[in-house]
Each structure stands twice: as structure tokens, then as C-alpha cells.
């Protein structure tokens, strides 16, 4: 009787080993065969904005390198949080790449302390690589008297609360202005707009005197003479505005407030797949066509790869949590 029971145990164990071996072999084959079906880049914003442009810029060359269709799926809502949460809950198999960025992966954590119950941007993602960053540009209506950042600060300090600016809630431009107010020690009044388009129209029509907006959006209106650029929020001058000083150069050393995005994947994605995607992204971002395209729009290609991007995201979360807490900004 004992012998029969012992033999049964041995057979059961052997079966488990065979099943496990088969599963491991199947998993190894799936990783080696990756990708064998279409991949999507989940962009957590509607079509047409910078995030969408960046996602689509990556899709076509990644399709060529990976030899499978790479498409963009736009999932808007919640300032990028809705789509990001959907992406991070997708299967960790390399077939849903998440576009991460300043709003949904840094600012959002400062606005909502409970966001980590839905996703934690430091621990729930494998950050494959940052793909761009760009400054915000402080622009004023061309009919306003301000010719430099110093002029704005002097007026604001002499007239507390009497200088208005435009902002779109939780945007990188909004954050840049809040950081600048805290850094310069000025009290100015924010006028909220539902989007960058209406805010831009208000500035051009002289409804508001000034604002921070992304460099690619600002450029044509500065070039046409409708807006005047006073400073850029990056540490280095921007190629679209070579004669415009940085905020740091204008008397506030170390000031930096960037718009940025990258590509990430779910925690738990097999390492061979992660490495293949990371290599493909680096290949795209160092190609002459992409380098030229980015430079022509004033975007900067940052250090590429997992570690630089993960470190950058962690620092951005700390920075914007501090600014938001100091300003008392709440989620809408």
C-alpha cells in the first residue's frame, strides 16, 4: 500500500515537472519569437497634441525595426491618468507600450496623493527611455511693455496681484509659472483656460499679458511678431530661440521646468522583451531623420535608456510634488 502511494507521488511530481518544463519552454519561445503580432502605443491624450505627435513619430520607425505593425491608441481623460492606468493594467507581454510624461507621471502624483493606489510611476513601470523634452517659453503680447524677465518681476513686485497670466490647469506651462512665482517671490493672478488653444488666442488678442507655453507652439507666433519671447525654462537655450535667455540666465540659477515624454512598459514584462524594445527605441531616436525632425521643432533628445529615464521620472515627481504642495494646487 505504501509503495503504491509512494509511486503515485513520484508520478504526480514527474507530471508537475513536465508541465512546468513545457510552460517554461513555451514562455521562452514566446519571448524569443517576440513580436509576432501587432503592438500598440497607448497615448493617454486625444489626437493632435504634442503627446500624440510624439507617439505617432515613434510608431512608424518602430514598425520597421520590429517587423510588426505598431499603432497608436488614444485614450484621453483625467489629464492622462485614465489612459495611463489602462496601460499599466494591460498584460505585461510587450504588446502595449505606454507613453509616459510629465503630466500623468509626475504632476498627477503631486495633485492626488491617492494616485499611487491606481499606479505608482516609480514602481509600476519599466521606463524604457525618455524620447523628448522641451522648454516652456515665457511669452508676452507684443503690445505689452515688458522686454525682459526682469521687467516682469519688477512690475509684479511693485504691483502685487495686478498682473495677470494665463494657464491651463496642471499643464507643464502651469507648473513652470507656479515654480517661477515661488522662485522669484512674486504674487500674480492666474486666469484659467480650458485648453492651450483658447489661452493662446487670449494672449494674441491681448486679453492676457503673458504665459508659459511649449516652445513649438510659441515659435510661429513669436516669429510673426504677435508674441514676444522673454525667457525659456530649460537650463540651456533652445535652438528655436537662440537669442532668448533662459530663466536661469536671467537671475534664477538652476531654474528648470520641462515638458517631456517617454515610452514605458508594465512591471513584470520579461527582460528579453524589455531589452529588445529599449534597443529599438534607441535606434529610432538616434536615426538622422528623427534627430533632424526633433531639432527643427526645438525638441531635445535626452539621454536614452532605462536608467536615465527612471532616474529622471523620480526627480520630476519630487520637484512637482514640492511645487504643488507649496502652491496649494488641487486636482480638478
C-alpha atoms as a PDB file:
ATOM      1  CA  UNK A   1       0.000   0.000   0.000  1.00  0.00           C
ATOM      2  CA  UNK A   2       2.808   2.354   0.983  1.00  0.00           C
ATOM      3  CA  UNK A   3       4.680   1.503  -2.198  1.00  0.00           C
ATOM      4  CA  UNK A   4       1.659   2.313  -4.325  1.00  0.00           C
ATOM      5  CA  UNK A   5       1.202   5.674  -2.561  1.00  0.00           C
ATOM      6  CA  UNK A   6       4.897   6.479  -2.969  1.00  0.00           C
ATOM      7  CA  UNK A   7       4.761   5.576  -6.667  1.00  0.00           C
ATOM      8  CA  UNK A   8       1.715   7.818  -7.105  1.00  0.00           C
ATOM      9  CA  UNK A   9       3.541  10.717  -5.507  1.00  0.00           C
ATOM     10  CA  UNK A  10       6.520  10.201  -7.819  1.00  0.00           C
ATOM     11  CA  UNK A  11       4.263  10.103 -10.882  1.00  0.00           C
ATOM     12  CA  UNK A  12       2.467  13.288  -9.767  1.00  0.00           C
ATOM     13  CA  UNK A  13       5.755  15.078  -9.198  1.00  0.00           C
ATOM     14  CA  UNK A  14       7.034  13.968 -12.584  1.00  0.00           C
ATOM     15  CA  UNK A  15       3.872  15.272 -14.205  1.00  0.00           C
ATOM     16  CA  UNK A  16       4.291  18.639 -12.485  1.00  0.00           C
ATOM     17  CA  UNK A  17       7.900  18.844 -13.657  1.00  0.00           C
ATOM     18  CA  UNK A  18       6.881  18.020 -17.238  1.00  0.00           C
ATOM     19  CA  UNK A  19       4.077  20.590 -17.210  1.00  0.00           C
ATOM     20  CA  UNK A  20       6.354  23.246 -15.708  1.00  0.00           C
ATOM     21  CA  UNK A  21       9.064  22.444 -18.232  1.00  0.00           C
ATOM     22  CA  UNK A  22       6.559  22.759 -21.040  1.00  0.00           C
ATOM     23  CA  UNK A  23       5.297  26.081 -19.718  1.00  0.00           C
ATOM     24  CA  UNK A  24       8.835  27.414 -19.378  1.00  0.00           C
ATOM     25  CA  UNK A  25       9.688  26.252 -22.874  1.00  0.00           C
ATOM     26  CA  UNK A  26       6.537  27.890 -24.226  1.00  0.00           C
ATOM     27  CA  UNK A  27       7.340  31.141 -22.393  1.00  0.00           C
ATOM     28  CA  UNK A  28      10.930  31.117 -23.642  1.00  0.00           C
ATOM     29  CA  UNK A  29       9.717  30.559 -27.201  1.00  0.00           C
ATOM     30  CA  UNK A  30       7.208  33.427 -26.899  1.00  0.00           C
ATOM     31  CA  UNK A  31       9.969  35.761 -25.733  1.00  0.00           C
ATOM     32  CA  UNK A  32      12.362  34.669 -28.464  1.00  0.00           C
ATOM     33  CA  UNK A  33       9.605  34.994 -31.069  1.00  0.00           C
ATOM     34  CA  UNK A  34       8.623  38.499 -29.884  1.00  0.00           C
ATOM     35  CA  UNK A  35       6.978  40.303 -31.533  1.00  0.00           C
ATOM     36  CA  UNK A  36       4.713  38.014 -33.519  1.00  0.00           C
ATOM     37  CA  UNK A  37       1.637  40.245 -33.646  1.00  0.00           C
ATOM     38  CA  UNK A  38       0.840  43.998 -33.787  1.00  0.00           C
ATOM     39  CA  UNK A  39       1.975  46.299 -30.975  1.00  0.00           C
ATOM     40  CA  UNK A  40       0.171  49.416 -29.804  1.00  0.00           C
ATOM     41  CA  UNK A  41       1.468  52.587 -28.212  1.00  0.00           C
ATOM     42  CA  UNK A  42      -1.146  53.834 -25.778  1.00  0.00           C
ATOM     43  CA  UNK A  43      -1.133  57.651 -25.815  1.00  0.00           C
ATOM     44  CA  UNK A  44      -3.188  58.884 -22.849  1.00  0.00           C
ATOM     45  CA  UNK A  45      -4.358  62.076 -24.565  1.00  0.00           C
ATOM     46  CA  UNK A  46      -6.632  62.931 -27.509  1.00  0.00           C
ATOM     47  CA  UNK A  47      -5.173  63.218 -31.038  1.00  0.00           C
ATOM     48  CA  UNK A  48      -3.444  66.394 -32.140  1.00  0.00           C
ATOM     49  CA  UNK A  49      -1.302  67.459 -29.192  1.00  0.00           C
ATOM     50  CA  UNK A  50       2.432  67.091 -28.635  1.00  0.00           C
ATOM     51  CA  UNK A  51       1.980  63.724 -26.889  1.00  0.00           C
ATOM     52  CA  UNK A  52       0.068  62.347 -29.856  1.00  0.00           C
ATOM     53  CA  UNK A  53       2.653  63.713 -32.296  1.00  0.00           C
ATOM     54  CA  UNK A  54       5.471  62.032 -30.365  1.00  0.00           C
ATOM     55  CA  UNK A  55       3.646  58.714 -30.192  1.00  0.00           C
ATOM     56  CA  UNK A  56       2.990  58.688 -33.931  1.00  0.00           C
ATOM     57  CA  UNK A  57       6.547  59.800 -34.655  1.00  0.00           C
ATOM     58  CA  UNK A  58       7.766  56.634 -32.909  1.00  0.00           C
ATOM     59  CA  UNK A  59       5.209  54.192 -34.331  1.00  0.00           C
ATOM     60  CA  UNK A  60       6.276  54.055 -37.965  1.00  0.00           C
ATOM     61  CA  UNK A  61      10.049  53.516 -37.466  1.00  0.00           C
ATOM     62  CA  UNK A  62       9.402  51.029 -34.652  1.00  0.00           C
ATOM     63  CA  UNK A  63       7.213  49.071 -37.076  1.00  0.00           C
ATOM     64  CA  UNK A  64      10.147  48.791 -39.486  1.00  0.00           C
ATOM     65  CA  UNK A  65      12.626  47.731 -36.806  1.00  0.00           C
ATOM     66  CA  UNK A  66      10.350  45.248 -35.026  1.00  0.00           C
ATOM     67  CA  UNK A  67       8.809  43.961 -38.285  1.00  0.00           C
ATOM     68  CA  UNK A  68       5.273  44.172 -36.912  1.00  0.00           C
ATOM     69  CA  UNK A  69       2.663  46.945 -37.165  1.00  0.00           C
ATOM     70  CA  UNK A  70       2.946  49.489 -34.360  1.00  0.00           C
ATOM     71  CA  UNK A  71      -0.196  51.575 -33.985  1.00  0.00           C
ATOM     72  CA  UNK A  72      -1.272  54.431 -31.718  1.00  0.00           C
ATOM     73  CA  UNK A  73      -4.339  54.197 -29.489  1.00  0.00           C
ATOM     74  CA  UNK A  74      -5.513  57.487 -27.955  1.00  0.00           C
ATOM     75  CA  UNK A  75      -7.247  57.210 -24.567  1.00  0.00           C
ATOM     76  CA  UNK A  76      -7.931  60.678 -23.166  1.00  0.00           C
ATOM     77  CA  UNK A  77      -9.263  61.753 -19.789  1.00  0.00           C
ATOM     78  CA  UNK A  78      -8.076  62.837 -16.372  1.00  0.00           C
ATOM     79  CA  UNK A  79      -5.047  64.728 -17.627  1.00  0.00           C
ATOM     80  CA  UNK A  80      -3.560  61.487 -18.927  1.00  0.00           C
ATOM     81  CA  UNK A  81      -4.380  59.403 -15.836  1.00  0.00           C
ATOM     82  CA  UNK A  82      -7.238  57.390 -17.394  1.00  0.00           C
ATOM     83  CA  UNK A  83      -5.181  56.081 -20.305  1.00  0.00           C
ATOM     84  CA  UNK A  84      -2.080  55.541 -18.187  1.00  0.00           C
ATOM     85  CA  UNK A  85      -3.999  53.406 -15.700  1.00  0.00           C
ATOM     86  CA  UNK A  86      -5.455  51.340 -18.540  1.00  0.00           C
ATOM     87  CA  UNK A  87      -1.983  50.844 -19.973  1.00  0.00           C
ATOM     88  CA  UNK A  88      -0.352  49.794 -16.722  1.00  0.00           C
ATOM     89  CA  UNK A  89      -3.115  47.207 -16.157  1.00  0.00           C
ATOM     90  CA  UNK A  90      -2.608  45.634 -19.587  1.00  0.00           C
ATOM     91  CA  UNK A  91      -0.794  42.305 -19.925  1.00  0.00           C
ATOM     92  CA  UNK A  92       2.954  42.592 -19.286  1.00  0.00           C
ATOM     93  CA  UNK A  93       3.788  40.931 -22.601  1.00  0.00           C
ATOM     94  CA  UNK A  94       5.311  43.767 -24.630  1.00  0.00           C
ATOM     95  CA  UNK A  95       2.284  44.381 -26.836  1.00  0.00           C
ATOM     96  CA  UNK A  96       1.030  47.515 -25.052  1.00  0.00           C
ATOM     97  CA  UNK A  97       3.637  50.269 -24.739  1.00  0.00           C
ATOM     98  CA  UNK A  98       2.611  53.226 -22.569  1.00  0.00           C
ATOM     99  CA  UNK A  99       3.537  56.782 -23.405  1.00  0.00           C
ATOM    100  CA  UNK A 100       4.531  58.317 -20.089  1.00  0.00           C
ATOM    101  CA  UNK A 101       5.050  62.028 -19.465  1.00  0.00           C
ATOM    102  CA  UNK A 102       5.253  64.993 -17.132  1.00  0.00           C
ATOM    103  CA  UNK A 103       1.507  65.397 -16.560  1.00  0.00           C
ATOM    104  CA  UNK A 104       0.398  61.835 -15.901  1.00  0.00           C
ATOM    105  CA  UNK A 105       3.617  60.545 -14.309  1.00  0.00           C
ATOM    106  CA  UNK A 106       4.870  63.466 -12.226  1.00  0.00           C
ATOM    107  CA  UNK A 107       2.392  66.345 -11.838  1.00  0.00           C
ATOM    108  CA  UNK A 108      -0.516  63.948 -11.237  1.00  0.00           C
ATOM    109  CA  UNK A 109       1.222  62.477  -8.183  1.00  0.00           C
ATOM    110  CA  UNK A 110       1.512  65.943  -6.672  1.00  0.00           C
ATOM    111  CA  UNK A 111      -2.151  66.709  -7.332  1.00  0.00           C
ATOM    112  CA  UNK A 112      -3.502  63.441  -5.933  1.00  0.00           C
ATOM    113  CA  UNK A 113      -1.731  61.616  -3.108  1.00  0.00           C
ATOM    114  CA  UNK A 114      -4.063  58.655  -3.628  1.00  0.00           C
ATOM    115  CA  UNK A 115      -2.953  58.142  -7.224  1.00  0.00           C
ATOM    116  CA  UNK A 116      -0.455  55.506  -6.075  1.00  0.00           C
ATOM    117  CA  UNK A 117      -3.440  53.278  -5.283  1.00  0.00           C
ATOM    118  CA  UNK A 118      -4.091  53.260  -9.050  1.00  0.00           C
ATOM    119  CA  UNK A 119      -0.488  53.347 -10.259  1.00  0.00           C
ATOM    120  CA  UNK A 120       2.900  54.346  -8.919  1.00  0.00           C
ATOM    121  CA  UNK A 121       5.105  55.919 -11.569  1.00  0.00           C
ATOM    122  CA  UNK A 122       8.263  54.850  -9.738  1.00  0.00           C
ATOM    123  CA  UNK A 123       7.415  51.179  -9.244  1.00  0.00           C
ATOM    124  CA  UNK A 124       4.639  50.024 -11.606  1.00  0.00           C
ATOM    125  CA  UNK A 125       6.520  50.747 -14.840  1.00  0.00           C
ATOM    126  CA  UNK A 126       9.701  49.754 -16.572  1.00  0.00           C
ATOM    127  CA  UNK A 127      10.697  53.086 -18.098  1.00  0.00           C
ATOM    128  CA  UNK A 128      12.257  52.086 -21.417  1.00  0.00           C
ATOM    129  CA  UNK A 129      13.517  55.507 -22.479  1.00  0.00           C
ATOM    130  CA  UNK A 130      12.692  59.160 -22.456  1.00  0.00           C
ATOM    131  CA  UNK A 131      12.171  60.369 -26.014  1.00  0.00           C
ATOM    132  CA  UNK A 132      11.968  64.140 -25.747  1.00  0.00           C
ATOM    133  CA  UNK A 133      11.987  67.196 -23.619  1.00  0.00           C
ATOM    134  CA  UNK A 134      11.452  70.822 -24.413  1.00  0.00           C
ATOM    135  CA  UNK A 135      11.141  74.067 -22.500  1.00  0.00           C
ATOM    136  CA  UNK A 136       8.208  76.284 -21.909  1.00  0.00           C
ATOM    137  CA  UNK A 137       8.679  79.816 -23.212  1.00  0.00           C
ATOM    138  CA  UNK A 138       7.537  82.870 -21.296  1.00  0.00           C
ATOM    139  CA  UNK A 139       5.773  84.962 -23.932  1.00  0.00           C
ATOM    140  CA  UNK A 140       4.058  88.345 -23.690  1.00  0.00           C
ATOM    141  CA  UNK A 141       1.729  90.097 -26.075  1.00  0.00           C
ATOM    142  CA  UNK A 142       3.823  92.235 -28.420  1.00  0.00           C
ATOM    143  CA  UNK A 143       1.931  95.390 -27.378  1.00  0.00           C
ATOM    144  CA  UNK A 144       2.863  94.988 -23.729  1.00  0.00           C
ATOM    145  CA  UNK A 145       5.841  96.993 -22.447  1.00  0.00           C
ATOM    146  CA  UNK A 146       7.799  94.076 -20.980  1.00  0.00           C
ATOM    147  CA  UNK A 147      11.091  93.472 -22.779  1.00  0.00           C
ATOM    148  CA  UNK A 148      12.761  91.121 -20.293  1.00  0.00           C
ATOM    149  CA  UNK A 149      12.028  88.816 -17.393  1.00  0.00           C
ATOM    150  CA  UNK A 150      13.436  91.487 -15.101  1.00  0.00           C
ATOM    151  CA  UNK A 151      10.760  93.912 -16.326  1.00  0.00           C
ATOM    152  CA  UNK A 152       8.008  91.437 -15.418  1.00  0.00           C
ATOM    153  CA  UNK A 153       9.386  90.795 -11.938  1.00  0.00           C
ATOM    154  CA  UNK A 154       9.894  94.499 -11.193  1.00  0.00           C
ATOM    155  CA  UNK A 155       6.321  95.312 -12.240  1.00  0.00           C
ATOM    156  CA  UNK A 156       4.886  92.366 -10.282  1.00  0.00           C
ATOM    157  CA  UNK A 157       6.732  93.333  -7.097  1.00  0.00           C
ATOM    158  CA  UNK A 158       5.682  96.984  -7.441  1.00  0.00           C
ATOM    159  CA  UNK A 159       2.061  95.986  -8.165  1.00  0.00           C
ATOM    160  CA  UNK A 160       1.225  92.793  -6.225  1.00  0.00           C
ATOM    161  CA  UNK A 161      -1.763  90.933  -7.657  1.00  0.00           C
ATOM    162  CA  UNK A 162      -2.290  93.382 -10.519  1.00  0.00           C
ATOM    163  CA  UNK A 163      -0.514  91.370 -13.217  1.00  0.00           C
ATOM    164  CA  UNK A 164      -2.445  88.514 -14.819  1.00  0.00           C
ATOM    165  CA  UNK A 165      -1.227  85.416 -16.636  1.00  0.00           C
ATOM    166  CA  UNK A 166      -2.946  82.567 -18.433  1.00  0.00           C
ATOM    167  CA  UNK A 167      -2.693  78.885 -17.590  1.00  0.00           C
ATOM    168  CA  UNK A 168      -4.214  75.504 -18.361  1.00  0.00           C
ATOM    169  CA  UNK A 169      -4.666  73.511 -15.170  1.00  0.00           C
ATOM    170  CA  UNK A 170      -1.866  71.014 -14.417  1.00  0.00           C
ATOM    171  CA  UNK A 171      -0.074  71.615 -17.735  1.00  0.00           C
ATOM    172  CA  UNK A 172       3.699  71.955 -17.875  1.00  0.00           C
ATOM    173  CA  UNK A 173       3.223  75.686 -18.510  1.00  0.00           C
ATOM    174  CA  UNK A 174       1.088  75.981 -15.389  1.00  0.00           C
ATOM    175  CA  UNK A 175       3.748  74.203 -13.349  1.00  0.00           C
ATOM    176  CA  UNK A 176       6.518  76.369 -14.841  1.00  0.00           C
ATOM    177  CA  UNK A 177       4.654  79.525 -13.815  1.00  0.00           C
ATOM    178  CA  UNK A 178       3.983  78.252 -10.281  1.00  0.00           C
ATOM    179  CA  UNK A 179       7.639  77.363  -9.877  1.00  0.00           C
ATOM    180  CA  UNK A 180       8.677  80.763 -11.204  1.00  0.00           C
ATOM    181  CA  UNK A 181       6.304  82.623  -8.845  1.00  0.00           C
ATOM    182  CA  UNK A 182       7.809  80.747  -5.902  1.00  0.00           C
ATOM    183  CA  UNK A 183      11.382  81.248  -7.131  1.00  0.00           C
ATOM    184  CA  UNK A 184      11.015  84.978  -7.866  1.00  0.00           C
ATOM    185  CA  UNK A 185       8.809  85.686  -4.845  1.00  0.00           C
ATOM    186  CA  UNK A 186       6.049  87.442  -6.783  1.00  0.00           C
ATOM    187  CA  UNK A 187       2.259  87.488  -6.458  1.00  0.00           C
ATOM    188  CA  UNK A 188       0.480  87.475  -9.826  1.00  0.00           C
ATOM    189  CA  UNK A 189      -3.059  86.381 -10.705  1.00  0.00           C
ATOM    190  CA  UNK A 190      -3.749  83.281 -12.810  1.00  0.00           C
ATOM    191  CA  UNK A 191      -6.590  83.199 -15.336  1.00  0.00           C
ATOM    192  CA  UNK A 192      -7.566  79.576 -16.117  1.00  0.00           C
ATOM    193  CA  UNK A 193      -8.314  78.368 -19.650  1.00  0.00           C
ATOM    194  CA  UNK A 194      -9.770  75.039 -20.709  1.00  0.00           C
ATOM    195  CA  UNK A 195      -7.004  74.383 -23.203  1.00  0.00           C
ATOM    196  CA  UNK A 196      -3.855  75.709 -24.827  1.00  0.00           C
ATOM    197  CA  UNK A 197      -5.738  76.883 -27.940  1.00  0.00           C
ATOM    198  CA  UNK A 198      -8.097  79.305 -26.146  1.00  0.00           C
ATOM    199  CA  UNK A 199      -5.247  80.521 -23.940  1.00  0.00           C
ATOM    200  CA  UNK A 200      -3.061  81.233 -26.965  1.00  0.00           C
ATOM    201  CA  UNK A 201      -5.895  83.141 -28.629  1.00  0.00           C
ATOM    202  CA  UNK A 202      -6.313  85.209 -25.458  1.00  0.00           C
ATOM    203  CA  UNK A 203      -2.634  86.128 -25.395  1.00  0.00           C
ATOM    204  CA  UNK A 204      -2.535  87.074 -29.082  1.00  0.00           C
ATOM    205  CA  UNK A 205      -5.660  89.234 -28.689  1.00  0.00           C
ATOM    206  CA  UNK A 206      -4.119  90.925 -25.596  1.00  0.00           C
ATOM    207  CA  UNK A 207      -6.778  89.546 -23.260  1.00  0.00           C
ATOM    208  CA  UNK A 208      -3.965  88.329 -21.017  1.00  0.00           C
ATOM    209  CA  UNK A 209      -0.455  89.806 -20.922  1.00  0.00           C
ATOM    210  CA  UNK A 210       1.688  86.690 -20.693  1.00  0.00           C
ATOM    211  CA  UNK A 211       2.034  82.939 -20.053  1.00  0.00           C
ATOM    212  CA  UNK A 212       4.378  79.959 -20.305  1.00  0.00           C
ATOM    213  CA  UNK A 213       3.714  77.709 -23.325  1.00  0.00           C
ATOM    214  CA  UNK A 214       5.614  74.926 -25.119  1.00  0.00           C
ATOM    215  CA  UNK A 215       8.379  76.090 -27.432  1.00  0.00           C
ATOM    216  CA  UNK A 216       6.927  74.508 -30.599  1.00  0.00           C
ATOM    217  CA  UNK A 217       3.576  76.204 -30.026  1.00  0.00           C
ATOM    218  CA  UNK A 218       5.146  79.571 -29.247  1.00  0.00           C
ATOM    219  CA  UNK A 219       7.544  79.699 -32.188  1.00  0.00           C
ATOM    220  CA  UNK A 220       5.286  80.684 -35.139  1.00  0.00           C
ATOM    221  CA  UNK A 221       3.620  83.447 -33.123  1.00  0.00           C
ATOM    222  CA  UNK A 222       6.934  84.828 -31.902  1.00  0.00           C
ATOM    223  CA  UNK A 223       8.259  84.680 -35.449  1.00  0.00           C
ATOM    224  CA  UNK A 224       5.218  86.561 -36.761  1.00  0.00           C
ATOM    225  CA  UNK A 225       5.693  89.278 -34.142  1.00  0.00           C
ATOM    226  CA  UNK A 226       2.386  88.712 -32.330  1.00  0.00           C
ATOM    227  CA  UNK A 227       4.126  87.484 -29.177  1.00  0.00           C
ATOM    228  CA  UNK A 228       7.494  88.367 -27.648  1.00  0.00           C
ATOM    229  CA  UNK A 229       9.630  85.664 -26.012  1.00  0.00           C
ATOM    230  CA  UNK A 230      11.279  86.730 -22.742  1.00  0.00           C
ATOM    231  CA  UNK A 231      12.813  83.512 -21.393  1.00  0.00           C
ATOM    232  CA  UNK A 232      12.923  79.735 -21.837  1.00  0.00           C
ATOM    233  CA  UNK A 233      12.531  77.351 -18.904  1.00  0.00           C
ATOM    234  CA  UNK A 234      15.302  74.881 -19.815  1.00  0.00           C
ATOM    235  CA  UNK A 235      18.829  75.095 -18.416  1.00  0.00           C
ATOM    236  CA  UNK A 236      20.207  75.617 -21.924  1.00  0.00           C
ATOM    237  CA  UNK A 237      18.970  77.986 -24.628  1.00  0.00           C
ATOM    238  CA  UNK A 238      16.642  76.452 -27.186  1.00  0.00           C
ATOM    239  CA  UNK A 239      17.653  76.210 -30.860  1.00  0.00           C
ATOM    240  CA  UNK A 240      14.355  77.782 -31.959  1.00  0.00           C
ATOM    241  CA  UNK A 241      15.087  80.811 -29.756  1.00  0.00           C
ATOM    242  CA  UNK A 242      18.871  81.217 -29.756  1.00  0.00           C
ATOM    243  CA  UNK A 243      18.688  84.872 -28.702  1.00  0.00           C
ATOM    244  CA  UNK A 244      16.234  84.307 -25.845  1.00  0.00           C
ATOM    245  CA  UNK A 245      17.895  83.813 -22.435  1.00  0.00           C
ATOM    246  CA  UNK A 246      16.994  81.047 -20.041  1.00  0.00           C
ATOM    247  CA  UNK A 247      15.246  81.811 -16.758  1.00  0.00           C
ATOM    248  CA  UNK A 248      18.455  80.668 -15.088  1.00  0.00           C
ATOM    249  CA  UNK A 249      20.499  83.192 -17.085  1.00  0.00           C
ATOM    250  CA  UNK A 250      18.003  85.895 -16.161  1.00  0.00           C
ATOM    251  CA  UNK A 251      18.874  85.749 -12.483  1.00  0.00           C
ATOM    252  CA  UNK A 252      17.451  82.457 -11.191  1.00  0.00           C
ATOM    253  CA  UNK A 253      20.247  79.843 -11.317  1.00  0.00           C
ATOM    254  CA  UNK A 254      19.166  76.227 -11.617  1.00  0.00           C
ATOM    255  CA  UNK A 255      15.612  77.011 -12.708  1.00  0.00           C
ATOM    256  CA  UNK A 256      14.241  74.293 -14.973  1.00  0.00           C
ATOM    257  CA  UNK A 257      10.672  73.320 -15.893  1.00  0.00           C
ATOM    258  CA  UNK A 258      10.352  70.968 -18.845  1.00  0.00           C
ATOM    259  CA  UNK A 259       7.679  69.355 -20.939  1.00  0.00           C
ATOM    260  CA  UNK A 260       8.701  65.727 -21.585  1.00  0.00           C
ATOM    261  CA  UNK A 261       7.576  62.247 -22.528  1.00  0.00           C
ATOM    262  CA  UNK A 262       8.930  58.748 -22.940  1.00  0.00           C
ATOM    263  CA  UNK A 263       7.927  55.154 -23.539  1.00  0.00           C
ATOM    264  CA  UNK A 264       7.375  52.654 -20.743  1.00  0.00           C
ATOM    265  CA  UNK A 265       6.116  49.117 -20.243  1.00  0.00           C
ATOM    266  CA  UNK A 266       4.390  47.275 -17.420  1.00  0.00           C
ATOM    267  CA  UNK A 267       6.381  45.943 -14.474  1.00  0.00           C
ATOM    268  CA  UNK A 268       6.871  42.220 -14.935  1.00  0.00           C
ATOM    269  CA  UNK A 269       7.479  42.316 -18.677  1.00  0.00           C
ATOM    270  CA  UNK A 270      10.119  39.629 -19.481  1.00  0.00           C
ATOM    271  CA  UNK A 271      13.641  41.019 -19.653  1.00  0.00           C
ATOM    272  CA  UNK A 272      14.377  39.851 -23.236  1.00  0.00           C
ATOM    273  CA  UNK A 273      11.339  41.795 -24.445  1.00  0.00           C
ATOM    274  CA  UNK A 274      12.322  44.861 -22.425  1.00  0.00           C
ATOM    275  CA  UNK A 275      15.822  44.804 -23.882  1.00  0.00           C
ATOM    276  CA  UNK A 276      14.523  44.394 -27.426  1.00  0.00           C
ATOM    277  CA  UNK A 277      12.173  47.365 -27.066  1.00  0.00           C
ATOM    278  CA  UNK A 278      14.815  49.535 -25.405  1.00  0.00           C
ATOM    279  CA  UNK A 279      17.269  48.816 -28.235  1.00  0.00           C
ATOM    280  CA  UNK A 280      14.629  49.564 -30.873  1.00  0.00           C
ATOM    281  CA  UNK A 281      13.745  52.914 -29.267  1.00  0.00           C
ATOM    282  CA  UNK A 282      17.409  53.905 -29.105  1.00  0.00           C
ATOM    283  CA  UNK A 283      17.796  53.010 -32.784  1.00  0.00           C
ATOM    284  CA  UNK A 284      14.832  55.217 -33.713  1.00  0.00           C
ATOM    285  CA  UNK A 285      15.956  58.164 -31.592  1.00  0.00           C
ATOM    286  CA  UNK A 286      19.500  58.192 -32.998  1.00  0.00           C
ATOM    287  CA  UNK A 287      18.409  57.965 -36.640  1.00  0.00           C
ATOM    288  CA  UNK A 288      19.292  61.064 -38.722  1.00  0.00           C
ATOM    289  CA  UNK A 289      15.651  61.628 -39.736  1.00  0.00           C
ATOM    290  CA  UNK A 290      14.404  61.783 -36.144  1.00  0.00           C
ATOM    291  CA  UNK A 291      17.354  63.858 -34.943  1.00  0.00           C
ATOM    292  CA  UNK A 292      16.672  66.417 -37.697  1.00  0.00           C
ATOM    293  CA  UNK A 293      12.927  66.431 -37.089  1.00  0.00           C
ATOM    294  CA  UNK A 294      13.307  66.984 -33.362  1.00  0.00           C
ATOM    295  CA  UNK A 295      15.831  69.797 -33.774  1.00  0.00           C
ATOM    296  CA  UNK A 296      13.626  71.570 -36.310  1.00  0.00           C
ATOM    297  CA  UNK A 297      10.865  71.813 -33.690  1.00  0.00           C
ATOM    298  CA  UNK A 298      13.093  72.782 -30.792  1.00  0.00           C
ATOM    299  CA  UNK A 299      12.812  69.433 -29.005  1.00  0.00           C
ATOM    300  CA  UNK A 300      15.853  67.998 -27.244  1.00  0.00           C
ATOM    301  CA  UNK A 301      16.720  64.291 -27.375  1.00  0.00           C
ATOM    302  CA  UNK A 302      17.630  63.408 -23.768  1.00  0.00           C
ATOM    303  CA  UNK A 303      19.931  60.626 -22.538  1.00  0.00           C
ATOM    304  CA  UNK A 304      18.382  57.391 -23.797  1.00  0.00           C
ATOM    305  CA  UNK A 305      17.699  54.135 -21.983  1.00  0.00           C
ATOM    306  CA  UNK A 306      16.079  52.704 -18.877  1.00  0.00           C
ATOM    307  CA  UNK A 307      18.239  54.060 -16.052  1.00  0.00           C
ATOM    308  CA  UNK A 308      18.421  57.699 -17.200  1.00  0.00           C
ATOM    309  CA  UNK A 309      14.673  57.765 -17.705  1.00  0.00           C
ATOM    310  CA  UNK A 310      13.776  56.076 -14.395  1.00  0.00           C
ATOM    311  CA  UNK A 311      16.081  58.468 -12.525  1.00  0.00           C
ATOM    312  CA  UNK A 312      14.585  61.453 -14.358  1.00  0.00           C
ATOM    313  CA  UNK A 313      10.986  60.448 -13.565  1.00  0.00           C
ATOM    314  CA  UNK A 314      11.811  60.047  -9.870  1.00  0.00           C
ATOM    315  CA  UNK A 315      13.357  63.537  -9.716  1.00  0.00           C
ATOM    316  CA  UNK A 316      10.430  65.108 -11.568  1.00  0.00           C
ATOM    317  CA  UNK A 317       7.931  63.597  -9.115  1.00  0.00           C
ATOM    318  CA  UNK A 318       9.822  65.121  -6.181  1.00  0.00           C
ATOM    319  CA  UNK A 319      10.090  68.511  -7.911  1.00  0.00           C
ATOM    320  CA  UNK A 320       6.428  68.863  -8.834  1.00  0.00           C
ATOM    321  CA  UNK A 321       5.103  67.437  -5.560  1.00  0.00           C
ATOM    322  CA  UNK A 322       7.057  70.194  -3.785  1.00  0.00           C
ATOM    323  CA  UNK A 323       5.851  72.990  -6.099  1.00  0.00           C
ATOM    324  CA  UNK A 324       2.214  71.832  -5.979  1.00  0.00           C
ATOM    325  CA  UNK A 325       2.203  71.478  -2.200  1.00  0.00           C
ATOM    326  CA  UNK A 326       3.690  74.949  -1.751  1.00  0.00           C
ATOM    327  CA  UNK A 327       1.165  76.482  -4.165  1.00  0.00           C
ATOM    328  CA  UNK A 328      -1.778  74.571  -2.660  1.00  0.00           C
ATOM    329  CA  UNK A 329      -2.955  73.386  -6.080  1.00  0.00           C
ATOM    330  CA  UNK A 330      -5.705  70.757  -6.058  1.00  0.00           C
ATOM    331  CA  UNK A 331      -6.870  68.286  -8.673  1.00  0.00           C
ATOM    332  CA  UNK A 332      -9.913  69.319 -10.710  1.00  0.00           C
END
